[in-house]
Amino acid sequence: ALVRQFVVLSYSRQLRKRLPPSTLRAHGKDEQLLALLRRCAVLVAGNWVLKSELVGYEGTEAFARDLLLMLLSRKNGKITFDEVQKWLGALERFRMPGKVLEEIASGVCHRETNGSLRLKNPPDDDFRR
């Protein structure tokens, strides 16, 4: 439920602190909690991001979001304006409306004044190792 609420979530700074005691008692160790997380989220720049299909995206929209998440993961949570343009260019053949692409990006990112995109949370060093 927390991953669905936040969409982009830091394990140590957000998730672990908000878990009810009953969850910690029932699942205990971090390894068990991480196994649960892997079923509903992907790791991007050390943050857990709700899987595209669980957000409600299907087909090419899910592909576009997954591609964006992969770029953000490779670039430590921030892609430049030029990289955003390459992402959009790679998706041109699918003829997705700009409004849909903006919705996808704004769901996980903040747009900087220079046109770059930054993941909603800063990189979490606990999971970048």
Foldseek 3Di string as FASTA:
>chain_A
DVCLVLQKAAVVPPVVVPDDPVVCVVQPDPVSVVVVLVVAFDAALRITGGQLVVNPDDDLLSVLLVVVSVVRRVVNFKDAQVVVVVSVVVCVVVVDDPVSSVVSQVSAWDQDPRGMTGGPDHRDPVRPD
